[in-house]
């Protein structure tokens, strides 16, 4: 949603041309409540998106992300639906942008035991030209993202295609957002990790 809103703002200010952009969002989460919350947010913004030439289609998938078999089956289903029955003009050779966030509450061993296989499957399944993986985590004293994600890549042999390594992919950024529960601004910093998934 933040990326789409940024595109709208850049088109409004004339930095980007207003032309047709078809976006198909597949949201995977174990929480149906969270999925419904973001569905309502997108519905509330659809008129604005259309004003700036953006057509958005959202599909929700309630999935246990700790079960790699379920994740793999869902990914196969999503890729099949995109390639065989494209929606909103999405072509047969689409660009994929994978977005992940807010897993930093999980400690290292839990991540390795319950999540790392599924995250490997996700990263590997969408390797291809024009595809990328963006991971955002709140900045914490545990240095969660730099420690776990770089180690995770090395363990599974996921090598960024342009040859960069380690912390060169980690970017720290200050930002603020409205907490959906307390409805107040939160000012913090975050770690951003962006990896090109092009086949090497």
N, C-alpha and C. Protein backbone atom coordinates (compact mmCIF):
# COMPACT_ATOMS: atom_id res chain seq x y z
N UNK A 1 0.83 -1.19 0.00
CA UNK A 1 0.00 0.00 0.00
C UNK A 1 0.87 1.25 0.00
N UNK A 2 1.94 1.24 0.78
CA UNK A 2 2.85 2.39 0.81
C UNK A 2 3.47 2.63 -0.55
N UNK A 3 3.86 1.57 -1.24
CA UNK A 3 4.45 1.71 -2.58
C UNK A 3 3.44 2.28 -3.55
N UNK A 4 2.22 1.76 -3.54
CA UNK A 4 1.17 2.26 -4.43
C UNK A 4 0.87 3.73 -4.14
N UNK A 5 0.80 4.09 -2.87
CA UNK A 5 0.53 5.48 -2.51
C UNK A 5 1.66 6.41 -2.95
N UNK A 6 2.89 5.92 -2.88
CA UNK A 6 4.03 6.71 -3.34
C UNK A 6 3.96 6.95 -4.84
N UNK A 7 3.58 5.90 -5.60
CA UNK A 7 3.43 6.06 -7.05
C UNK A 7 2.35 7.10 -7.36
N UNK A 8 1.23 7.04 -6.62
CA UNK A 8 0.16 8.04 -6.82
C UNK A 8 0.68 9.45 -6.58
N UNK A 9 1.44 9.65 -5.51
CA UNK A 9 1.96 10.97 -5.17
C UNK A 9 2.94 11.45 -6.25
N UNK A 10 3.79 10.56 -6.74
CA UNK A 10 4.76 10.94 -7.77
C UNK A 10 4.05 11.27 -9.08
N UNK A 11 2.95 10.58 -9.37
CA UNK A 11 2.18 10.90 -10.57
C UNK A 11 1.44 12.23 -10.39
N UNK A 12 0.94 12.46 -9.20
CA UNK A 12 0.27 13.73 -8.92
C UNK A 12 1.23 14.90 -9.08
N UNK A 13 2.47 14.73 -8.63
CA UNK A 13 3.46 15.82 -8.67
C UNK A 13 4.19 15.90 -10.01
N UNK A 14 3.87 14.98 -10.94
CA UNK A 14 4.47 15.04 -12.26
C UNK A 14 5.81 14.35 -12.42
N UNK A 15 6.26 13.63 -11.39
CA UNK A 15 7.52 12.91 -11.51
C UNK A 15 7.37 11.63 -12.31
N UNK A 16 6.18 11.07 -12.33
CA UNK A 16 5.88 9.88 -13.13
C UNK A 16 4.68 10.18 -14.01
N UNK A 17 4.69 9.63 -15.23
CA UNK A 17 3.55 9.79 -16.14
C UNK A 17 2.38 8.95 -15.63
N UNK A 18 1.17 9.46 -15.84
CA UNK A 18 -0.02 8.69 -15.47
C UNK A 18 -0.36 7.77 -16.63
N UNK A 19 -0.04 6.50 -16.47
CA UNK A 19 -0.32 5.50 -17.48
C UNK A 19 -0.79 4.23 -16.78
N UNK A 20 -1.38 3.35 -17.55
CA UNK A 20 -1.98 2.15 -16.96
C UNK A 20 -0.95 1.28 -16.26
N UNK A 21 -1.25 0.92 -15.01
CA UNK A 21 -0.40 0.03 -14.23
C UNK A 21 -1.30 -1.00 -13.57
N UNK A 22 -1.13 -2.26 -13.93
CA UNK A 22 -1.95 -3.34 -13.39
C UNK A 22 -1.18 -4.07 -12.30
N UNK A 23 -1.75 -4.10 -11.11
CA UNK A 23 -1.09 -4.71 -9.95
C UNK A 23 -1.99 -5.80 -9.38
N UNK A 24 -1.43 -6.98 -9.27
CA UNK A 24 -2.15 -8.09 -8.65
C UNK A 24 -1.45 -8.43 -7.34
N UNK A 25 -2.16 -8.29 -6.23
CA UNK A 25 -1.58 -8.53 -4.90
C UNK A 25 -2.08 -9.87 -4.37
N UNK A 26 -1.15 -10.73 -3.99
CA UNK A 26 -1.48 -11.98 -3.32
C UNK A 26 -0.94 -11.87 -1.89
N UNK A 27 -1.85 -11.77 -0.93
CA UNK A 27 -1.47 -11.57 0.47
C UNK A 27 -1.55 -12.89 1.22
N UNK A 28 -0.41 -13.33 1.76
CA UNK A 28 -0.35 -14.56 2.55
C UNK A 28 -0.13 -14.22 4.01
N UNK A 29 -0.98 -14.74 4.88
CA UNK A 29 -0.82 -14.50 6.31
C UNK A 29 -1.57 -15.60 7.06
N UNK A 30 -1.13 -15.88 8.29
CA UNK A 30 -1.86 -16.86 9.10
C UNK A 30 -3.11 -16.25 9.72
N UNK A 31 -3.20 -14.92 9.70
CA UNK A 31 -4.29 -14.21 10.37
C UNK A 31 -5.31 -13.70 9.36
N UNK A 32 -6.51 -14.27 9.40
CA UNK A 32 -7.60 -13.77 8.57
C UNK A 32 -8.00 -12.36 8.94
N UNK A 33 -7.88 -12.01 10.21
CA UNK A 33 -8.21 -10.65 10.67
C UNK A 33 -7.30 -9.63 10.00
N UNK A 34 -5.99 -9.93 9.96
CA UNK A 34 -5.04 -9.02 9.31
C UNK A 34 -5.33 -8.88 7.82
N UNK A 35 -5.62 -10.00 7.17
CA UNK A 35 -5.91 -9.97 5.74
C UNK A 35 -7.14 -9.11 5.45
N UNK A 36 -8.17 -9.26 6.27
CA UNK A 36 -9.40 -8.47 6.08
C UNK A 36 -9.14 -6.98 6.33
N UNK A 37 -8.28 -6.68 7.30
CA UNK A 37 -7.96 -5.28 7.62
C UNK A 37 -7.34 -4.59 6.41
N UNK A 38 -6.37 -5.25 5.78
CA UNK A 38 -5.71 -4.63 4.63
C UNK A 38 -6.58 -4.64 3.39
N UNK A 39 -7.49 -5.58 3.30
CA UNK A 39 -8.45 -5.56 2.20
C UNK A 39 -9.33 -4.31 2.28
N UNK A 40 -9.77 -3.97 3.49
CA UNK A 40 -10.59 -2.77 3.67
C UNK A 40 -9.79 -1.50 3.36
N UNK A 41 -8.50 -1.48 3.73
CA UNK A 41 -7.65 -0.33 3.41
C UNK A 41 -7.56 -0.13 1.90
N UNK A 42 -7.33 -1.21 1.19
CA UNK A 42 -7.20 -1.11 -0.27
C UNK A 42 -8.52 -0.67 -0.90
N UNK A 43 -9.63 -1.20 -0.42
CA UNK A 43 -10.94 -0.79 -0.93
C UNK A 43 -11.14 0.71 -0.75
N UNK A 44 -10.70 1.24 0.39
CA UNK A 44 -10.88 2.66 0.67
C UNK A 44 -10.01 3.54 -0.22
N UNK A 45 -8.97 2.95 -0.82
CA UNK A 45 -8.04 3.72 -1.65
C UNK A 45 -8.23 3.48 -3.15
N UNK A 46 -9.11 2.57 -3.52
CA UNK A 46 -9.24 2.18 -4.92
C UNK A 46 -9.60 3.34 -5.84
N UNK A 47 -10.46 4.25 -5.39
CA UNK A 47 -10.82 5.40 -6.23
C UNK A 47 -9.60 6.25 -6.54
N UNK A 48 -8.74 6.44 -5.53
CA UNK A 48 -7.51 7.21 -5.73
C UNK A 48 -6.58 6.48 -6.70
N UNK A 49 -6.44 5.17 -6.53
CA UNK A 49 -5.57 4.40 -7.43
C UNK A 49 -6.04 4.52 -8.87
N UNK A 50 -7.34 4.38 -9.09
CA UNK A 50 -7.87 4.46 -10.44
C UNK A 50 -7.66 5.86 -11.04
N UNK A 51 -7.75 6.88 -10.18
CA UNK A 51 -7.52 8.26 -10.64
C UNK A 51 -6.13 8.42 -11.25
N UNK A 52 -5.17 7.66 -10.73
CA UNK A 52 -3.79 7.77 -11.21
C UNK A 52 -3.39 6.57 -12.07
N UNK A 53 -4.38 5.88 -12.63
CA UNK A 53 -4.12 4.84 -13.62
C UNK A 53 -3.72 3.49 -13.07
N UNK A 54 -3.92 3.26 -11.78
CA UNK A 54 -3.49 2.00 -11.16
C UNK A 54 -4.70 1.11 -10.92
N UNK A 55 -4.67 -0.09 -11.48
CA UNK A 55 -5.73 -1.08 -11.28
C UNK A 55 -5.22 -2.16 -10.33
N UNK A 56 -5.89 -2.32 -9.20
CA UNK A 56 -5.43 -3.23 -8.16
C UNK A 56 -6.41 -4.37 -7.98
N UNK A 57 -5.89 -5.58 -7.96
CA UNK A 57 -6.69 -6.75 -7.64
C UNK A 57 -6.03 -7.48 -6.47
N UNK A 58 -6.80 -7.70 -5.41
CA UNK A 58 -6.26 -8.35 -4.20
C UNK A 58 -6.86 -9.74 -4.03
N UNK A 59 -5.98 -10.72 -3.80
CA UNK A 59 -6.40 -12.07 -3.44
C UNK A 59 -5.80 -12.41 -2.08
N UNK A 60 -6.64 -12.86 -1.16
CA UNK A 60 -6.19 -13.18 0.20
C UNK A 60 -5.98 -14.69 0.32
N UNK A 61 -4.91 -15.05 1.06
CA UNK A 61 -4.60 -16.46 1.26
C UNK A 61 -4.23 -16.66 2.73
N UNK A 62 -5.10 -17.31 3.47
CA UNK A 62 -4.81 -17.59 4.88
C UNK A 62 -4.00 -18.90 4.94
N UNK A 63 -2.71 -18.77 5.30
CA UNK A 63 -1.78 -19.89 5.22
C UNK A 63 -0.90 -19.94 6.47
N UNK A 64 -0.63 -21.15 6.95
CA UNK A 64 0.32 -21.34 8.04
C UNK A 64 1.72 -21.25 7.44
N UNK A 65 2.39 -20.12 7.64
CA UNK A 65 3.68 -19.87 7.00
C UNK A 65 4.79 -20.76 7.55
N UNK A 66 4.53 -21.45 8.67
CA UNK A 66 5.53 -22.37 9.21
C UNK A 66 5.48 -23.73 8.52
N UNK A 67 4.46 -23.99 7.72
CA UNK A 67 4.31 -25.27 7.02
C UNK A 67 4.76 -25.09 5.57
N UNK A 68 5.97 -25.57 5.27
CA UNK A 68 6.55 -25.33 3.96
C UNK A 68 5.74 -25.97 2.84
N UNK A 69 5.13 -27.12 3.10
CA UNK A 69 4.33 -27.79 2.07
C UNK A 69 3.10 -26.95 1.71
N UNK A 70 2.46 -26.37 2.71
CA UNK A 70 1.31 -25.51 2.44
C UNK A 70 1.73 -24.26 1.68
N UNK A 71 2.87 -23.68 2.07
CA UNK A 71 3.37 -22.48 1.39
C UNK A 71 3.69 -22.79 -0.06
N UNK A 72 4.37 -23.91 -0.31
CA UNK A 72 4.73 -24.29 -1.68
C UNK A 72 3.49 -24.51 -2.53
N UNK A 73 2.49 -25.20 -1.98
CA UNK A 73 1.26 -25.45 -2.73
C UNK A 73 0.55 -24.14 -3.07
N UNK A 74 0.55 -23.21 -2.13
CA UNK A 74 -0.11 -21.93 -2.37
C UNK A 74 0.65 -21.12 -3.43
N UNK A 75 1.98 -21.13 -3.37
CA UNK A 75 2.79 -20.42 -4.37
C UNK A 75 2.53 -20.99 -5.76
N UNK A 76 2.51 -22.32 -5.86
CA UNK A 76 2.24 -22.96 -7.16
C UNK A 76 0.87 -22.54 -7.69
N UNK A 77 -0.10 -22.46 -6.80
CA UNK A 77 -1.45 -22.06 -7.19
C UNK A 77 -1.47 -20.61 -7.68
N UNK A 78 -0.77 -19.73 -6.98
CA UNK A 78 -0.72 -18.32 -7.35
C UNK A 78 -0.04 -18.15 -8.71
N UNK A 79 1.11 -18.77 -8.89
CA UNK A 79 1.82 -18.64 -10.16
C UNK A 79 1.00 -19.19 -11.31
N UNK A 80 0.28 -20.27 -11.07
CA UNK A 80 -0.56 -20.85 -12.11
C UNK A 80 -1.70 -19.90 -12.48
N UNK A 81 -2.31 -19.28 -11.47
CA UNK A 81 -3.42 -18.38 -11.75
C UNK A 81 -2.96 -17.13 -12.48
N UNK A 82 -1.75 -16.65 -12.16
CA UNK A 82 -1.23 -15.45 -12.83
C UNK A 82 -0.87 -15.76 -14.28
N UNK A 83 -0.25 -16.90 -14.53
CA UNK A 83 0.23 -17.22 -15.87
C UNK A 83 -0.86 -17.72 -16.81
N UNK A 84 -1.84 -18.46 -16.28
CA UNK A 84 -2.86 -19.06 -17.13
C UNK A 84 -4.09 -18.17 -17.24
N UNK A 85 -4.50 -17.57 -16.16
CA UNK A 85 -5.70 -16.74 -16.17
C UNK A 85 -5.37 -15.35 -15.63
N UNK A 86 -4.61 -14.57 -16.42
CA UNK A 86 -4.22 -13.25 -15.92
C UNK A 86 -5.42 -12.35 -15.62
N UNK A 87 -5.30 -11.58 -14.55
CA UNK A 87 -6.36 -10.65 -14.16
C UNK A 87 -5.89 -9.22 -14.41
N UNK A 88 -6.84 -8.36 -14.75
CA UNK A 88 -6.54 -6.93 -14.90
C UNK A 88 -5.38 -6.66 -15.85
N UNK A 89 -5.22 -7.51 -16.86
CA UNK A 89 -4.18 -7.24 -17.86
C UNK A 89 -2.79 -7.67 -17.46
N UNK A 90 -2.60 -8.34 -16.32
CA UNK A 90 -1.27 -8.82 -15.94
C UNK A 90 -0.86 -9.89 -16.95
N UNK A 91 0.32 -9.74 -17.55
CA UNK A 91 0.74 -10.62 -18.64
C UNK A 91 1.25 -11.97 -18.18
N UNK A 92 1.66 -12.79 -19.15
CA UNK A 92 2.12 -14.14 -18.85
C UNK A 92 3.56 -14.16 -18.36
N UNK A 93 4.27 -13.01 -18.42
CA UNK A 93 5.64 -12.92 -17.92
C UNK A 93 5.71 -11.74 -16.95
N UNK A 94 5.03 -11.85 -15.82
CA UNK A 94 4.90 -10.69 -14.91
C UNK A 94 6.17 -10.43 -14.11
N UNK A 95 6.25 -9.22 -13.55
CA UNK A 95 7.28 -8.88 -12.59
C UNK A 95 6.74 -9.20 -11.20
N UNK A 96 7.55 -9.83 -10.37
CA UNK A 96 7.13 -10.15 -9.01
C UNK A 96 7.93 -9.32 -8.02
N UNK A 97 7.24 -8.69 -7.08
CA UNK A 97 7.89 -8.01 -5.97
C UNK A 97 7.39 -8.68 -4.70
N UNK A 98 8.27 -9.37 -3.98
CA UNK A 98 7.92 -10.05 -2.75
C UNK A 98 8.17 -9.11 -1.58
N UNK A 99 7.17 -8.94 -0.73
CA UNK A 99 7.28 -8.05 0.42
C UNK A 99 7.07 -8.86 1.70
N UNK A 100 8.00 -8.76 2.62
CA UNK A 100 7.87 -9.43 3.92
C UNK A 100 8.20 -8.43 5.02
N UNK A 101 7.57 -8.61 6.17
CA UNK A 101 7.88 -7.72 7.30
C UNK A 101 7.41 -8.32 8.60
N UNK A 102 7.91 -7.71 9.68
CA UNK A 102 7.42 -7.96 11.04
C UNK A 102 7.50 -9.42 11.48
N UNK A 103 8.70 -10.00 11.32
CA UNK A 103 8.93 -11.32 11.90
C UNK A 103 10.03 -11.24 12.96
N UNK A 104 10.46 -10.01 13.28
CA UNK A 104 11.59 -9.82 14.19
C UNK A 104 11.28 -10.20 15.64
N UNK A 105 10.01 -10.48 15.94
CA UNK A 105 9.69 -10.96 17.29
C UNK A 105 10.07 -12.41 17.50
N UNK A 106 10.44 -13.08 16.41
CA UNK A 106 10.82 -14.50 16.50
C UNK A 106 12.32 -14.60 16.75
N UNK A 107 12.72 -15.44 17.70
CA UNK A 107 14.16 -15.55 17.95
C UNK A 107 14.83 -16.42 16.88
N UNK A 108 16.14 -16.42 16.91
CA UNK A 108 16.92 -17.07 15.85
C UNK A 108 16.56 -18.53 15.67
N UNK A 109 16.51 -19.28 16.76
CA UNK A 109 16.26 -20.72 16.64
C UNK A 109 14.85 -21.01 16.13
N UNK A 110 13.87 -20.21 16.59
CA UNK A 110 12.51 -20.38 16.08
C UNK A 110 12.45 -20.10 14.59
N UNK A 111 13.17 -19.06 14.15
CA UNK A 111 13.19 -18.75 12.73
C UNK A 111 13.77 -19.91 11.94
N UNK A 112 14.87 -20.46 12.40
CA UNK A 112 15.51 -21.59 11.70
C UNK A 112 14.59 -22.80 11.70
N UNK A 113 13.98 -23.11 12.85
CA UNK A 113 13.17 -24.32 12.98
C UNK A 113 11.84 -24.24 12.24
N UNK A 114 11.20 -23.08 12.24
CA UNK A 114 9.82 -23.00 11.78
C UNK A 114 9.59 -22.17 10.52
N UNK A 115 10.48 -21.23 10.21
CA UNK A 115 10.20 -20.30 9.12
C UNK A 115 11.18 -20.36 7.96
N UNK A 116 12.44 -20.75 8.21
CA UNK A 116 13.47 -20.56 7.19
C UNK A 116 13.21 -21.39 5.93
N UNK A 117 12.67 -22.60 6.06
CA UNK A 117 12.40 -23.40 4.87
C UNK A 117 11.37 -22.72 3.97
N UNK A 118 10.33 -22.17 4.59
CA UNK A 118 9.29 -21.50 3.80
C UNK A 118 9.83 -20.24 3.13
N UNK A 119 10.69 -19.50 3.83
CA UNK A 119 11.26 -18.30 3.22
C UNK A 119 12.22 -18.65 2.09
N UNK A 120 12.91 -19.77 2.22
CA UNK A 120 13.75 -20.25 1.12
C UNK A 120 12.86 -20.59 -0.08
N UNK A 121 11.76 -21.29 0.17
CA UNK A 121 10.84 -21.66 -0.91
C UNK A 121 10.30 -20.42 -1.62
N UNK A 122 9.92 -19.41 -0.84
CA UNK A 122 9.37 -18.18 -1.41
C UNK A 122 10.42 -17.50 -2.30
N UNK A 123 11.64 -17.34 -1.79
CA UNK A 123 12.69 -16.66 -2.54
C UNK A 123 13.06 -17.42 -3.81
N UNK A 124 13.18 -18.74 -3.70
CA UNK A 124 13.57 -19.56 -4.84
C UNK A 124 12.46 -19.62 -5.90
N UNK A 125 11.21 -19.67 -5.45
CA UNK A 125 10.09 -19.89 -6.36
C UNK A 125 9.87 -18.73 -7.32
N UNK A 126 10.29 -17.54 -6.94
CA UNK A 126 10.03 -16.37 -7.76
C UNK A 126 11.29 -15.82 -8.42
N UNK A 127 12.35 -16.64 -8.47
CA UNK A 127 13.55 -16.19 -9.15
C UNK A 127 13.25 -15.99 -10.62
N UNK A 128 13.64 -14.87 -11.16
CA UNK A 128 13.41 -14.58 -12.57
C UNK A 128 13.69 -13.12 -12.84
N UNK A 129 13.70 -12.77 -14.12
CA UNK A 129 14.01 -11.38 -14.48
C UNK A 129 12.95 -10.45 -13.92
N UNK A 130 13.38 -9.27 -13.53
CA UNK A 130 12.49 -8.22 -13.03
C UNK A 130 11.85 -8.54 -11.68
N UNK A 131 12.33 -9.54 -10.98
CA UNK A 131 11.75 -9.89 -9.69
C UNK A 131 12.69 -9.49 -8.55
N UNK A 132 12.09 -9.12 -7.41
CA UNK A 132 12.89 -8.66 -6.28
C UNK A 132 12.21 -9.03 -4.97
N UNK A 133 13.00 -9.05 -3.90
CA UNK A 133 12.53 -9.41 -2.57
C UNK A 133 12.84 -8.23 -1.64
N UNK A 134 11.80 -7.61 -1.08
CA UNK A 134 11.98 -6.50 -0.13
C UNK A 134 11.49 -6.94 1.24
N UNK A 135 12.39 -6.84 2.23
CA UNK A 135 12.05 -7.25 3.59
C UNK A 135 12.26 -6.04 4.51
N UNK A 136 11.27 -5.72 5.33
CA UNK A 136 11.33 -4.57 6.23
C UNK A 136 11.09 -5.04 7.66
N UNK A 137 11.95 -4.64 8.56
CA UNK A 137 11.80 -4.98 9.98
C UNK A 137 12.07 -3.75 10.85
N UNK A 138 11.32 -3.61 11.94
CA UNK A 138 11.65 -2.54 12.89
C UNK A 138 13.07 -2.71 13.41
N UNK A 139 13.76 -1.61 13.58
CA UNK A 139 15.12 -1.66 14.09
C UNK A 139 15.09 -2.06 15.57
N UNK A 140 15.86 -3.06 15.93
CA UNK A 140 15.88 -3.53 17.32
C UNK A 140 17.31 -3.72 17.79
N UNK A 141 17.47 -3.84 19.11
CA UNK A 141 18.79 -4.04 19.68
C UNK A 141 19.40 -5.36 19.22
N UNK A 142 18.54 -6.31 18.83
CA UNK A 142 19.04 -7.63 18.40
C UNK A 142 19.65 -7.59 17.00
N UNK A 143 19.52 -6.46 16.31
CA UNK A 143 20.06 -6.36 14.94
C UNK A 143 19.51 -7.50 14.09
N UNK A 144 18.21 -7.72 14.18
CA UNK A 144 17.58 -8.94 13.69
C UNK A 144 17.82 -9.20 12.21
N UNK A 145 17.48 -8.24 11.37
CA UNK A 145 17.55 -8.48 9.93
C UNK A 145 18.96 -8.71 9.42
N UNK A 146 19.92 -7.85 9.76
CA UNK A 146 21.28 -8.10 9.26
C UNK A 146 21.84 -9.45 9.71
N UNK A 147 21.57 -9.85 10.94
CA UNK A 147 22.11 -11.11 11.44
C UNK A 147 21.45 -12.32 10.80
N UNK A 148 20.12 -12.37 10.83
CA UNK A 148 19.42 -13.58 10.42
C UNK A 148 19.29 -13.72 8.92
N UNK A 149 18.98 -12.62 8.20
CA UNK A 149 18.72 -12.75 6.77
C UNK A 149 20.00 -13.05 5.99
N UNK A 150 21.12 -12.39 6.32
CA UNK A 150 22.37 -12.65 5.61
C UNK A 150 22.82 -14.09 5.88
N UNK A 151 22.69 -14.53 7.13
CA UNK A 151 23.04 -15.91 7.47
C UNK A 151 22.13 -16.89 6.75
N UNK A 152 20.85 -16.55 6.67
CA UNK A 152 19.86 -17.39 5.98
C UNK A 152 20.23 -17.56 4.51
N UNK A 153 20.60 -16.48 3.85
CA UNK A 153 21.01 -16.55 2.44
C UNK A 153 22.20 -17.46 2.27
N UNK A 154 23.20 -17.31 3.13
CA UNK A 154 24.42 -18.10 3.00
C UNK A 154 24.13 -19.59 3.21
N UNK A 155 23.28 -19.90 4.19
CA UNK A 155 23.00 -21.29 4.52
C UNK A 155 22.31 -22.02 3.37
N UNK A 156 21.43 -21.32 2.66
CA UNK A 156 20.68 -21.95 1.58
C UNK A 156 21.26 -21.66 0.20
N UNK A 157 22.37 -20.95 0.14
CA UNK A 157 23.00 -20.70 -1.14
C UNK A 157 22.23 -19.77 -2.05
N UNK A 158 21.47 -18.83 -1.47
CA UNK A 158 20.76 -17.84 -2.27
C UNK A 158 21.70 -16.66 -2.47
N UNK A 159 22.20 -16.52 -3.69
CA UNK A 159 23.22 -15.50 -3.97
C UNK A 159 22.62 -14.37 -4.79
N UNK A 160 22.68 -13.15 -4.29
CA UNK A 160 22.20 -12.00 -5.09
C UNK A 160 22.92 -11.95 -6.43
N UNK A 161 22.19 -11.64 -7.49
CA UNK A 161 22.72 -11.78 -8.84
C UNK A 161 23.80 -10.77 -9.19
N UNK A 162 23.86 -9.63 -8.52
CA UNK A 162 24.83 -8.62 -8.93
C UNK A 162 26.14 -8.69 -8.13
N UNK A 163 26.29 -9.71 -7.30
CA UNK A 163 27.56 -9.94 -6.66
C UNK A 163 27.80 -9.22 -5.36
N UNK A 164 26.86 -8.38 -4.93
CA UNK A 164 27.03 -7.72 -3.64
C UNK A 164 26.89 -8.76 -2.53
N UNK A 165 27.38 -8.42 -1.35
CA UNK A 165 27.31 -9.38 -0.26
C UNK A 165 27.01 -8.69 1.05
N UNK A 166 26.41 -9.45 1.94
CA UNK A 166 26.25 -9.03 3.33
C UNK A 166 25.52 -7.73 3.52
N UNK A 167 26.11 -6.86 4.36
CA UNK A 167 25.44 -5.65 4.81
C UNK A 167 25.22 -4.62 3.70
N UNK A 168 25.83 -4.82 2.53
CA UNK A 168 25.63 -3.85 1.46
C UNK A 168 24.18 -3.84 1.00
N UNK A 169 23.42 -4.86 1.36
CA UNK A 169 22.01 -4.90 1.00
C UNK A 169 21.11 -4.32 2.09
N UNK A 170 21.65 -4.08 3.27
CA UNK A 170 20.85 -3.61 4.38
C UNK A 170 20.88 -2.09 4.42
N UNK A 171 19.70 -1.48 4.45
CA UNK A 171 19.59 -0.03 4.51
C UNK A 171 18.75 0.34 5.73
N UNK A 172 19.25 1.25 6.55
CA UNK A 172 18.49 1.73 7.71
C UNK A 172 17.75 3.00 7.33
N UNK A 173 16.51 3.11 7.73
CA UNK A 173 15.68 4.25 7.33
C UNK A 173 14.76 4.65 8.47
N UNK A 174 14.67 5.93 8.74
CA UNK A 174 13.70 6.44 9.72
C UNK A 174 12.35 6.59 9.04
N UNK A 175 11.29 6.30 9.76
CA UNK A 175 9.95 6.44 9.20
C UNK A 175 8.94 6.60 10.32
N UNK A 176 7.73 6.98 9.95
CA UNK A 176 6.66 7.05 10.94
C UNK A 176 5.39 6.48 10.33
N UNK A 177 4.54 5.96 11.17
CA UNK A 177 3.31 5.34 10.70
C UNK A 177 2.26 5.44 11.80
N UNK A 178 1.02 5.24 11.42
CA UNK A 178 -0.08 5.27 12.38
C UNK A 178 -0.37 3.84 12.85
N UNK A 179 -0.18 3.60 14.12
CA UNK A 179 -0.47 2.27 14.67
C UNK A 179 -1.97 2.00 14.55
N UNK A 180 -2.37 0.89 13.90
CA UNK A 180 -3.80 0.64 13.68
C UNK A 180 -4.58 0.32 14.96
N UNK A 181 -3.87 0.04 16.05
CA UNK A 181 -4.56 -0.29 17.29
C UNK A 181 -4.69 0.91 18.21
N UNK A 182 -3.59 1.65 18.40
CA UNK A 182 -3.66 2.81 19.30
C UNK A 182 -3.99 4.09 18.53
N UNK A 183 -3.95 4.02 17.18
CA UNK A 183 -4.31 5.15 16.31
C UNK A 183 -3.50 6.40 16.61
N UNK A 184 -2.22 6.19 16.91
CA UNK A 184 -1.32 7.31 17.16
C UNK A 184 -0.06 7.13 16.31
N UNK A 185 0.60 8.24 15.96
CA UNK A 185 1.84 8.13 15.17
C UNK A 185 2.94 7.43 15.96
N UNK A 186 3.70 6.58 15.28
CA UNK A 186 4.85 5.92 15.86
C UNK A 186 6.07 6.31 15.03
N UNK A 187 7.09 6.83 15.68
CA UNK A 187 8.30 7.26 15.00
C UNK A 187 9.42 6.27 15.35
N UNK A 188 10.03 5.67 14.35
CA UNK A 188 11.03 4.64 14.62
C UNK A 188 11.99 4.54 13.46
N UNK A 189 12.87 3.58 13.52
CA UNK A 189 13.78 3.27 12.43
C UNK A 189 13.56 1.83 12.01
N UNK A 190 13.94 1.52 10.80
CA UNK A 190 13.77 0.15 10.32
C UNK A 190 14.94 -0.28 9.46
N UNK A 191 15.09 -1.60 9.34
CA UNK A 191 16.06 -2.19 8.42
C UNK A 191 15.32 -2.62 7.16
N UNK A 192 15.84 -2.21 6.02
CA UNK A 192 15.27 -2.58 4.73
C UNK A 192 16.28 -3.47 4.00
N UNK A 193 15.82 -4.58 3.48
CA UNK A 193 16.69 -5.48 2.75
C UNK A 193 16.07 -5.69 1.37
N UNK A 194 16.80 -5.35 0.31
CA UNK A 194 16.30 -5.49 -1.06
C UNK A 194 17.25 -6.37 -1.85
N UNK A 195 16.71 -7.47 -2.42
CA UNK A 195 17.53 -8.40 -3.18
C UNK A 195 16.91 -8.65 -4.53
N UNK A 196 17.75 -8.53 -5.57
CA UNK A 196 17.33 -8.86 -6.92
C UNK A 196 17.25 -10.39 -7.02
N UNK A 197 16.14 -10.90 -7.56
CA UNK A 197 15.96 -12.35 -7.65
C UNK A 197 16.21 -12.88 -9.06
N UNK A 198 16.84 -12.09 -9.92
CA UNK A 198 17.11 -12.55 -11.28
C UNK A 198 17.98 -13.80 -11.24
N UNK A 199 17.72 -14.72 -12.15
CA UNK A 199 18.52 -15.95 -12.23
C UNK A 199 19.94 -15.59 -12.62
N UNK A 200 20.91 -16.17 -11.91
CA UNK A 200 22.32 -15.92 -12.27
C UNK A 200 22.81 -16.97 -13.24
